[in-house]
């Protein structure tokens, strides 16, 4: 290799790695195609050392079954290409990562084929390989097929571990064979394999699905006796089952027990409880849980909002539309369930559409388009709020305040969301006096500040070093 060629390859290697690093830092997200191009480039220039690393990054970037199939085909094509300075060969880690990706998307036929190619390539499977294959089949309920790989695992001189056993518990539960799952669970202990929170939770889930909730609760007690700590997922499964069977008070007691043990609820847990309260028409409690989420720094997801919107559509359409506004402010994209729920609740499809479009234009910084759309419709409370939020997000406080006045002149009263949006912008601009005045106006109008309103003040006071005022606001 000439000195010039050596230097060009060295520069290419450094450039490829530094480029990946800088793009990650800039929050650029590679896709499988960009990684494939880079692998091709490195192979073309004989830079073998970096190829496995980039290949693994490419596999891990798969976001769909289509991506996973693309990567498998790409790797096969590269392996057969003799035109490169270096041969392209998948390492054991590359094979395992690729098998894991195929298993993740339920592509078990392709997974089986790749395993055969791995053996033909004289790459020895390890415990991770076999566990990936077993788990891939068990997730789909294909327990018989999974057992074949346990036999091969033992033939290779390896022993099943907690992951192997837990996969079979999952597989049997998928097939509604809870007693068989229980048997596997017992075998874990008999064979000296430690049962962890995942194996317990999978069996608890299977029992709950079979409506054997009392047995699932007994298993929770056994879990603690076994020095195994339940996690938030364990409690979520049980609380969801209790709510679904109408045992709401028992669910709340378990939630309290979980909180007292130091386990913090996550978005999924709150959503389960909110869905239960909404289905039981206890909407104040559901709204209270939403406030709790914000106070604990958790952002509700689309499913959370859909449950609340569905609940309020039956009783209070204004509140339901207010939740849509909140959802949009949080940069969440409503799905078909959101729209269908609102329209079924007698909300005009035009209102939903205009509110969403105005919000979308504002988020994209297209304020002129948002203004034009606003002017072309008969604005209501929600379209006003959507544009006010968009203007405030883009630093246009003066215009937002003017829009608030216009809204009041036509008899529309600013809502909690209107005031909170304006206050947040004022505080961001460092205008505490204006924010205080707006806050007092909010109280006088009968609108109650929520966790977001107080949070904006507390955050702004802390940033400005005004800790005394922050403490007063918290009190």
Protein backbone atom coordinates (compact mmCIF):
# COMPACT_ATOMS: atom_id res chain seq x y z
CA UNK A 1 0.00 0.00 0.00
CA UNK A 2 1.41 3.43 -0.95
CA UNK A 3 2.03 6.08 1.69
CA UNK A 4 -0.62 8.29 0.06
CA UNK A 5 -3.17 5.46 0.16
CA UNK A 6 -2.30 4.74 3.81
CA UNK A 7 -2.86 8.37 4.79
CA UNK A 8 -6.14 8.62 2.86
CA UNK A 9 -7.45 5.50 4.59
CA UNK A 10 -6.37 6.82 7.99
CA UNK A 11 -8.15 10.11 7.31
CA UNK A 12 -11.27 8.25 6.12
CA UNK A 13 -11.33 6.14 9.29
CA UNK A 14 -10.94 9.16 11.54
CA UNK A 15 -13.49 11.10 9.52
CA UNK A 16 -16.07 8.30 9.64
CA UNK A 17 -15.85 7.94 13.42
CA UNK A 18 -15.67 11.65 14.20
CA UNK A 19 -18.56 12.28 11.81
CA UNK A 20 -20.70 9.67 13.57
CA UNK A 21 -19.83 11.23 16.92
CA UNK A 22 -20.60 14.77 15.81
CA UNK A 23 -23.88 13.76 14.17
CA UNK A 24 -24.96 11.96 17.34
CA UNK A 25 -24.05 15.06 19.33
CA UNK A 26 -26.18 17.18 16.99
CA UNK A 27 -29.06 14.72 17.55
CA UNK A 28 -28.90 13.57 13.93
CA UNK A 29 -30.26 10.04 13.80
CA UNK A 30 -28.63 7.61 11.41
CA UNK A 31 -30.87 5.11 9.67
CA UNK A 32 -29.98 1.70 8.28
CA UNK A 33 -29.26 3.16 4.83
CA UNK A 34 -26.74 5.74 6.07
CA UNK A 35 -24.94 3.09 8.14
CA UNK A 36 -24.95 0.70 5.16
CA UNK A 37 -23.32 3.38 2.99
CA UNK A 38 -20.62 3.89 5.61
CA UNK A 39 -19.93 0.13 5.89
CA UNK A 40 -19.66 -0.04 2.09
CA UNK A 41 -17.24 2.89 2.07
CA UNK A 42 -15.01 1.41 4.79
CA UNK A 43 -14.89 -1.98 3.05
CA UNK A 44 -14.04 -0.33 -0.28
CA UNK A 45 -11.02 1.32 1.34
CA UNK A 46 -9.87 -1.74 3.24
CA UNK A 47 -10.60 -0.34 6.72
CA UNK A 48 -11.55 -3.61 8.43
CA UNK A 49 -11.20 -2.58 12.07
CA UNK A 50 -14.24 -0.29 12.21
CA UNK A 51 -16.62 -2.42 10.11
CA UNK A 52 -18.02 -4.65 12.93
CA UNK A 53 -18.67 -1.59 15.13
CA UNK A 54 -20.57 0.22 12.39
CA UNK A 55 -22.42 -2.99 11.46
CA UNK A 56 -23.68 -3.35 15.04
CA UNK A 57 -24.76 0.32 15.09
CA UNK A 58 -26.60 -0.32 11.81
CA UNK A 59 -28.42 -3.35 13.25
CA UNK A 60 -29.36 -1.47 16.43
CA UNK A 61 -30.84 1.38 14.37
CA UNK A 62 -33.56 -0.93 12.96
CA UNK A 63 -36.98 0.56 13.69
CA UNK A 64 -39.15 -1.90 11.80
CA UNK A 65 -39.28 -5.42 10.39
CA UNK A 66 -38.52 -3.88 6.99
CA UNK A 67 -35.32 -2.34 8.39
CA UNK A 68 -34.25 -5.67 9.90
CA UNK A 69 -34.82 -7.50 6.60
CA UNK A 70 -32.90 -4.79 4.73
CA UNK A 71 -29.91 -5.23 7.06
CA UNK A 72 -29.94 -9.04 6.73
CA UNK A 73 -30.00 -8.78 2.92
CA UNK A 74 -27.27 -6.13 3.00
CA UNK A 75 -25.01 -8.29 5.19
CA UNK A 76 -25.56 -11.32 2.94
CA UNK A 77 -24.75 -9.31 -0.19
CA UNK A 78 -21.63 -7.83 1.38
CA UNK A 79 -20.41 -11.28 2.50
CA UNK A 80 -20.61 -12.56 -1.09
CA UNK A 81 -18.92 -9.52 -2.68
CA UNK A 82 -15.30 -10.33 -3.61
CA UNK A 83 -14.52 -6.89 -5.02
CA UNK A 84 -13.58 -5.32 -1.66
CA UNK A 85 -10.01 -4.97 -0.44
CA UNK A 86 -11.10 -6.77 2.72
CA UNK A 87 -13.63 -9.56 3.06
CA UNK A 88 -16.83 -8.65 4.87
CA UNK A 89 -17.47 -11.14 7.66
CA UNK A 90 -19.99 -11.03 10.48
CA UNK A 91 -18.47 -11.46 13.94
CA UNK A 92 -20.22 -13.53 16.67
CA UNK A 93 -21.45 -10.26 18.21
CA UNK A 94 -22.82 -9.10 14.84
CA UNK A 95 -24.68 -12.40 14.38
CA UNK A 96 -26.15 -12.23 17.89
CA UNK A 97 -27.24 -8.61 17.46
CA UNK A 98 -28.82 -9.41 14.10
CA UNK A 99 -30.65 -12.44 15.53
CA UNK A 100 -31.92 -10.23 18.36
CA UNK A 101 -33.25 -7.68 15.86
CA UNK A 102 -35.09 -10.37 13.89
CA UNK A 103 -36.53 -11.80 17.13
CA UNK A 104 -37.67 -8.33 18.20
CA UNK A 105 -39.86 -8.03 15.10
CA UNK A 106 -41.11 -11.63 15.24
CA UNK A 107 -39.24 -12.69 12.08
CA UNK A 108 -38.62 -16.24 13.32
CA UNK A 109 -38.28 -17.88 9.87
CA UNK A 110 -35.56 -15.40 8.95
CA UNK A 111 -34.01 -15.89 12.40
CA UNK A 112 -33.83 -19.67 11.88
CA UNK A 113 -32.26 -19.17 8.45
CA UNK A 114 -29.64 -16.79 9.84
CA UNK A 115 -28.77 -19.26 12.63
CA UNK A 116 -28.08 -21.92 9.96
CA UNK A 117 -25.87 -19.44 8.06
CA UNK A 118 -24.04 -18.67 11.31
CA UNK A 119 -23.15 -22.37 11.73
CA UNK A 120 -22.11 -22.62 8.06
CA UNK A 121 -19.88 -19.60 8.65
CA UNK A 122 -18.18 -21.64 11.45
CA UNK A 123 -19.26 -19.14 14.11
CA UNK A 124 -20.02 -20.96 17.38
CA UNK A 125 -23.29 -19.97 19.07
CA UNK A 126 -23.09 -18.96 22.74
CA UNK A 127 -25.70 -18.69 25.52
CA UNK A 128 -26.80 -15.29 24.16
CA UNK A 129 -27.44 -16.84 20.73
CA UNK A 130 -29.57 -19.66 22.10
CA UNK A 131 -31.47 -17.39 24.48
CA UNK A 132 -32.27 -15.02 21.62
CA UNK A 133 -33.65 -17.89 19.53
CA UNK A 134 -35.64 -19.32 22.43
CA UNK A 135 -37.07 -15.92 23.34
CA UNK A 136 -37.95 -15.12 19.71
CA UNK A 137 -40.08 -18.27 19.43
CA UNK A 138 -41.56 -18.05 22.95
CA UNK A 139 -42.75 -14.46 22.48
CA UNK A 140 -44.97 -15.80 19.69
CA UNK A 141 -46.07 -18.80 21.77
CA UNK A 142 -44.01 -21.29 19.72
CA UNK A 143 -42.84 -23.30 22.73
CA UNK A 144 -42.21 -26.60 20.91
CA UNK A 145 -39.87 -24.93 18.41
CA UNK A 146 -38.07 -23.12 21.24
CA UNK A 147 -37.38 -26.42 23.06
CA UNK A 148 -35.31 -27.64 20.10
CA UNK A 149 -32.80 -24.87 20.78
CA UNK A 150 -32.60 -25.79 24.48
CA UNK A 151 -31.48 -29.27 23.41
CA UNK A 152 -28.79 -27.71 21.21
CA UNK A 153 -27.81 -25.38 24.05
CA UNK A 154 -27.21 -28.38 26.34
CA UNK A 155 -25.35 -30.26 23.55
CA UNK A 156 -23.03 -27.25 23.31
CA UNK A 157 -22.10 -27.74 26.99
CA UNK A 158 -24.15 -24.77 28.20
CA UNK A 159 -26.83 -24.57 30.88
CA UNK A 160 -30.20 -22.81 30.67
CA UNK A 161 -30.17 -19.61 32.73
CA UNK A 162 -32.87 -17.35 34.19
CA UNK A 163 -33.44 -15.76 30.76
CA UNK A 164 -34.06 -19.17 29.15
CA UNK A 165 -36.57 -20.18 31.82
CA UNK A 166 -38.31 -16.79 31.80
CA UNK A 167 -38.75 -17.03 28.03
CA UNK A 168 -40.59 -20.33 28.47
CA UNK A 169 -42.79 -18.81 31.19
CA UNK A 170 -43.66 -16.07 28.66
CA UNK A 171 -44.29 -18.64 25.91
CA UNK A 172 -46.64 -20.77 27.99
CA UNK A 173 -48.52 -17.68 29.19
CA UNK A 174 -48.94 -16.57 25.55
CA UNK A 175 -50.59 -19.96 24.92
CA UNK A 176 -52.81 -19.55 28.03
CA UNK A 177 -50.97 -22.53 29.57
CA UNK A 178 -50.52 -20.94 32.98
CA UNK A 179 -50.07 -24.24 34.84
CA UNK A 180 -47.26 -25.19 32.45
CA UNK A 181 -45.70 -21.77 33.08
CA UNK A 182 -45.97 -22.44 36.84
CA UNK A 183 -44.14 -25.74 36.32
CA UNK A 184 -41.26 -23.98 34.54
CA UNK A 185 -41.20 -21.44 37.36
CA UNK A 186 -40.80 -24.27 39.92
CA UNK A 187 -38.08 -25.94 37.83
CA UNK A 188 -36.03 -22.75 38.00
CA UNK A 189 -35.64 -23.12 41.76
CA UNK A 190 -35.18 -26.90 41.60
CA UNK A 191 -32.35 -26.50 39.08
CA UNK A 192 -30.61 -23.83 41.13
CA UNK A 193 -31.57 -20.96 38.83
CA UNK A 194 -32.35 -17.72 40.64
CA UNK A 195 -35.82 -16.31 39.96
CA UNK A 196 -35.80 -12.56 39.45
CA UNK A 197 -38.44 -9.84 39.16
CA UNK A 198 -38.85 -10.49 35.42
CA UNK A 199 -39.69 -14.19 35.84
CA UNK A 200 -42.10 -13.39 38.68
CA UNK A 201 -43.75 -10.56 36.73
CA UNK A 202 -44.22 -12.71 33.62
CA UNK A 203 -45.99 -15.39 35.65
CA UNK A 204 -48.07 -12.79 37.52
CA UNK A 205 -49.09 -11.37 34.13
CA UNK A 206 -50.11 -14.84 32.92
CA UNK A 207 -52.21 -15.43 36.04
CA UNK A 208 -53.90 -12.04 35.70
CA UNK A 209 -54.69 -12.71 32.04
CA UNK A 210 -56.31 -15.99 33.14
CA UNK A 211 -58.31 -14.02 35.74
CA UNK A 212 -56.50 -15.84 38.56
CA UNK A 213 -55.85 -12.59 40.39
CA UNK A 214 -55.79 -14.03 43.92
CA UNK A 215 -53.00 -16.42 42.90
CA UNK A 216 -51.14 -13.51 41.31
CA UNK A 217 -51.39 -11.52 44.55
CA UNK A 218 -50.13 -14.55 46.51
CA UNK A 219 -47.17 -14.69 44.15
CA UNK A 220 -46.41 -11.05 44.99
CA UNK A 221 -46.09 -12.06 48.67
CA UNK A 222 -43.94 -15.08 47.72
CA UNK A 223 -41.78 -12.80 45.63
CA UNK A 224 -40.90 -10.70 48.66
CA UNK A 225 -40.25 -13.83 50.74
CA UNK A 226 -37.89 -14.95 47.97
CA UNK A 227 -35.84 -11.74 48.49
CA UNK A 228 -36.94 -10.53 45.07
CA UNK A 229 -38.15 -6.93 44.85
CA UNK A 230 -41.22 -6.23 42.72
CA UNK A 231 -40.77 -3.37 40.27
CA UNK A 232 -43.21 -0.84 38.86
CA UNK A 233 -44.07 -3.24 36.01
CA UNK A 234 -45.08 -5.95 38.55
CA UNK A 235 -47.42 -3.56 40.34
CA UNK A 236 -48.81 -2.17 37.08
CA UNK A 237 -49.82 -5.66 35.91
CA UNK A 238 -51.62 -6.36 39.20
CA UNK A 239 -53.28 -2.95 39.49
CA UNK A 240 -54.49 -3.17 35.88
CA UNK A 241 -56.01 -6.59 36.60
CA UNK A 242 -57.69 -5.36 39.80
CA UNK A 243 -59.13 -2.31 38.01
CA UNK A 244 -60.34 -4.48 35.15
CA UNK A 245 -62.18 -6.80 37.54
CA UNK A 246 -63.89 -3.92 39.34
CA UNK A 247 -61.70 -4.09 42.46
CA UNK A 248 -60.79 -0.41 42.41
CA UNK A 249 -60.28 0.01 46.17
CA UNK A 250 -57.90 -2.98 46.23
CA UNK A 251 -56.04 -1.45 43.28
CA UNK A 252 -55.64 1.86 45.14
CA UNK A 253 -54.45 0.05 48.28
CA UNK A 254 -51.82 -1.75 46.22
CA UNK A 255 -50.81 1.56 44.62
CA UNK A 256 -50.39 3.05 48.10
CA UNK A 257 -48.37 0.00 49.20
CA UNK A 258 -46.12 0.41 46.17
CA UNK A 259 -45.54 4.11 46.85
CA UNK A 260 -44.77 3.44 50.52
CA UNK A 261 -42.15 0.87 49.51
CA UNK A 262 -40.30 3.60 47.59
CA UNK A 263 -41.26 2.52 44.06
CA UNK A 264 -42.22 5.49 41.93
CA UNK A 265 -45.16 5.15 39.53
CA UNK A 266 -44.38 5.63 35.85
CA UNK A 267 -46.50 6.88 32.94
CA UNK A 268 -47.91 3.40 32.29
CA UNK A 269 -49.02 3.01 35.93
CA UNK A 270 -50.74 6.41 36.00
CA UNK A 271 -52.42 5.67 32.67
CA UNK A 272 -53.87 2.40 34.01
CA UNK A 273 -55.37 4.23 37.01
CA UNK A 274 -56.63 7.15 34.89
CA UNK A 275 -58.34 4.71 32.49
CA UNK A 276 -60.02 3.03 35.45
CA UNK A 277 -61.26 6.31 36.96
CA UNK A 278 -62.52 7.55 33.59
CA UNK A 279 -64.43 4.35 32.89
CA UNK A 280 -66.05 4.69 36.31
CA UNK A 281 -66.98 8.35 35.72
CA UNK A 282 -64.81 9.53 38.63
CA UNK A 283 -63.30 12.25 36.48
CA UNK A 284 -62.11 14.55 39.27
CA UNK A 285 -59.87 11.76 40.58
CA UNK A 286 -58.61 11.11 37.03
CA UNK A 287 -57.75 14.83 36.61
CA UNK A 288 -56.02 14.76 40.00
CA UNK A 289 -53.81 11.90 38.82
CA UNK A 290 -52.91 13.91 35.71
CA UNK A 291 -51.78 16.77 37.98
CA UNK A 292 -49.78 14.26 40.05
CA UNK A 293 -48.01 13.14 36.89
CA UNK A 294 -46.92 16.69 36.05
CA UNK A 295 -45.84 17.30 39.66
CA UNK A 296 -43.65 14.18 39.50
CA UNK A 297 -42.07 15.29 36.23
CA UNK A 298 -43.88 12.68 34.11
CA UNK A 299 -45.34 13.53 30.72
CA UNK A 300 -48.64 11.81 29.84
CA UNK A 301 -48.67 9.98 26.51
CA UNK A 302 -51.35 9.76 23.80
CA UNK A 303 -53.02 6.80 25.55
CA UNK A 304 -53.29 8.78 28.81
CA UNK A 305 -54.92 11.74 27.05
CA UNK A 306 -57.23 9.51 25.02
CA UNK A 307 -58.58 7.96 28.24
CA UNK A 308 -59.22 11.40 29.76
CA UNK A 309 -60.74 12.83 26.58
CA UNK A 310 -63.08 9.84 26.27
CA UNK A 311 -64.15 10.28 29.90
CA UNK A 312 -64.82 14.01 29.59
CA UNK A 313 -66.58 13.73 26.21
CA UNK A 314 -69.50 12.15 28.08
CA UNK A 315 -69.78 14.97 30.63
CA UNK A 316 -67.84 18.08 29.63
CA UNK A 317 -66.86 18.72 26.00
CA UNK A 318 -65.10 21.98 26.93
CA UNK A 319 -62.81 20.05 29.25
CA UNK A 320 -62.25 17.38 26.58
CA UNK A 321 -61.18 20.03 24.06
CA UNK A 322 -59.01 21.65 26.71
CA UNK A 323 -57.22 18.31 27.08
CA UNK A 324 -56.67 18.23 23.31
CA UNK A 325 -55.07 21.69 23.56
CA UNK A 326 -52.86 20.50 26.43
CA UNK A 327 -51.89 17.47 24.39
CA UNK A 328 -50.88 19.62 21.43
CA UNK A 329 -48.95 22.00 23.69
CA UNK A 330 -46.97 18.98 24.87
CA UNK A 331 -46.04 18.24 21.23
CA UNK A 332 -48.02 15.01 21.22
CA UNK A 333 -49.64 14.01 17.94
CA UNK A 334 -53.31 13.00 18.37
CA UNK A 335 -54.17 9.67 16.75
CA UNK A 336 -57.36 8.40 15.12
CA UNK A 337 -58.75 7.37 18.51
CA UNK A 338 -58.39 10.97 19.75
CA UNK A 339 -60.20 12.45 16.76
CA UNK A 340 -62.92 9.79 16.61
CA UNK A 341 -63.59 10.15 20.35
CA UNK A 342 -64.00 13.92 20.07
CA UNK A 343 -66.20 13.73 16.99
CA UNK A 344 -68.32 10.99 18.60
CA UNK A 345 -68.70 13.35 21.55
CA UNK A 346 -70.45 15.84 19.24
CA UNK A 347 -67.41 18.05 18.76
CA UNK A 348 -67.26 19.57 15.28
CA UNK A 349 -64.62 17.90 13.14
CA UNK A 350 -63.74 21.39 11.83
CA UNK A 351 -62.85 22.60 15.34
CA UNK A 352 -60.57 19.61 15.92
CA UNK A 353 -58.96 19.99 12.50
CA UNK A 354 -58.36 23.76 12.72
CA UNK A 355 -56.99 23.52 16.26
CA UNK A 356 -54.56 20.77 15.26
CA UNK A 357 -53.45 22.51 12.05
CA UNK A 358 -52.87 25.87 13.77
CA UNK A 359 -50.82 24.08 16.41
CA UNK A 360 -48.85 22.25 13.71
CA UNK A 361 -48.06 25.45 11.78
CA UNK A 362 -46.92 27.20 14.97
CA UNK A 363 -44.66 24.30 15.95
CA UNK A 364 -43.06 24.46 12.51
CA UNK A 365 -42.52 28.22 12.97
CA UNK A 366 -45.00 29.01 10.16
CA UNK A 367 -46.84 31.75 12.04
CA UNK A 368 -48.12 33.48 8.89
CA UNK A 369 -49.81 30.24 7.79
CA UNK A 370 -51.27 29.80 11.29
CA UNK A 371 -52.62 33.38 11.27
CA UNK A 372 -54.09 32.92 7.79
CA UNK A 373 -55.83 29.70 8.82
CA UNK A 374 -57.13 31.35 12.01
CA UNK A 375 -58.55 34.26 10.00
CA UNK A 376 -60.24 31.89 7.55
CA UNK A 377 -62.26 30.05 10.20
CA UNK A 378 -64.88 31.02 12.74
CA UNK A 379 -62.59 30.91 15.79
CA UNK A 380 -63.72 29.45 19.06
CA UNK A 381 -62.07 29.04 22.45
CA UNK A 382 -59.80 26.22 21.27
CA UNK A 383 -58.57 27.82 18.07
CA UNK A 384 -57.83 31.01 20.06
CA UNK A 385 -55.85 29.00 22.62
CA UNK A 386 -53.98 27.13 19.88
CA UNK A 387 -52.80 30.37 18.26
CA UNK A 388 -52.02 32.06 21.61
CA UNK A 389 -49.87 29.06 22.56
CA UNK A 390 -48.13 29.11 19.18
CA UNK A 391 -47.43 32.85 19.40
CA UNK A 392 -46.05 32.52 22.94
CA UNK A 393 -43.87 29.57 21.92
CA UNK A 394 -42.39 31.76 19.19
CA UNK A 395 -41.82 34.76 21.48
CA UNK A 396 -44.74 36.84 20.18
CA UNK A 397 -46.18 37.83 23.58
CA UNK A 398 -47.56 41.21 22.48
CA UNK A 399 -49.63 39.64 19.70
CA UNK A 400 -50.74 36.84 22.03
CA UNK A 401 -52.04 39.39 24.57
CA UNK A 402 -53.81 41.26 21.78
CA UNK A 403 -55.47 37.98 20.76
CA UNK A 404 -56.57 37.41 24.37
CA UNK A 405 -58.27 40.84 24.36
CA UNK A 406 -59.98 40.05 21.06
CA UNK A 407 -61.20 36.79 22.51
CA UNK A 408 -62.69 38.56 25.55
CA UNK A 409 -64.41 41.17 23.35
CA UNK A 410 -66.41 38.47 21.56
CA UNK A 411 -67.48 36.95 24.88
CA UNK A 412 -64.98 34.09 25.19
CA UNK A 413 -63.40 33.80 28.63
CA UNK A 414 -59.70 32.87 28.83
CA UNK A 415 -59.19 29.39 30.27
CA UNK A 416 -56.62 27.93 32.64
CA UNK A 417 -54.58 26.98 29.57
CA UNK A 418 -54.73 30.57 28.18
CA UNK A 419 -53.41 32.13 31.39
CA UNK A 420 -50.77 29.45 32.00
CA UNK A 421 -49.42 29.86 28.45
CA UNK A 422 -49.16 33.65 28.78
CA UNK A 423 -47.59 33.45 32.25
CA UNK A 424 -44.97 30.95 31.05
CA UNK A 425 -43.96 33.31 28.21
CA UNK A 426 -43.80 36.35 30.53
CA UNK A 427 -41.59 34.47 32.97
CA UNK A 428 -39.36 33.24 30.14
CA UNK A 429 -38.91 36.87 29.09
CA UNK A 430 -38.00 37.75 32.70
CA UNK A 431 -41.09 39.91 33.17
CA UNK A 432 -42.11 38.84 36.69
CA UNK A 433 -44.39 41.83 37.34
CA UNK A 434 -46.47 41.10 34.25
CA UNK A 435 -46.63 37.42 35.18
CA UNK A 436 -47.81 38.25 38.72
CA UNK A 437 -50.49 40.56 37.33
CA UNK A 438 -51.66 37.88 34.90
CA UNK A 439 -51.68 35.30 37.71
CA UNK A 440 -53.87 37.55 39.89
CA UNK A 441 -56.21 38.13 36.95
CA UNK A 442 -56.42 34.37 36.51
CA UNK A 443 -57.46 33.91 40.14
CA UNK A 444 -60.01 36.75 39.93
CA UNK A 445 -61.59 35.17 36.86
CA UNK A 446 -62.19 31.94 38.78
CA UNK A 447 -59.65 29.89 36.82
CA UNK A 448 -57.59 27.57 39.02
CA UNK A 449 -53.82 27.40 38.43
CA UNK A 450 -52.53 23.87 37.82
CA UNK A 451 -49.19 22.15 38.43
CA UNK A 452 -47.83 23.63 35.19
CA UNK A 453 -48.72 27.20 36.25
CA UNK A 454 -46.99 26.87 39.61
CA UNK A 455 -44.11 24.96 38.02
CA UNK A 456 -43.43 27.86 35.62
CA UNK A 457 -43.19 30.31 38.53
CA UNK A 458 -41.03 28.04 40.70
CA UNK A 459 -38.61 27.31 37.84
CA UNK A 460 -38.34 31.01 36.91
CA UNK A 461 -37.83 32.13 40.53
CA UNK A 462 -35.12 29.49 41.07
CA UNK A 463 -33.33 30.48 37.85
CA UNK A 464 -33.37 34.12 38.98
CA UNK A 465 -32.05 33.19 42.44
CA UNK A 466 -35.31 34.31 44.10
CA UNK A 467 -35.53 31.24 46.32
CA UNK A 468 -37.74 32.83 48.97
CA UNK A 469 -40.47 33.48 46.39
CA UNK A 470 -40.03 29.99 44.96
CA UNK A 471 -40.58 28.50 48.43
CA UNK A 472 -43.66 30.67 48.98
CA UNK A 473 -45.11 29.49 45.67
CA UNK A 474 -44.47 25.86 46.69
CA UNK A 475 -46.13 26.43 50.06
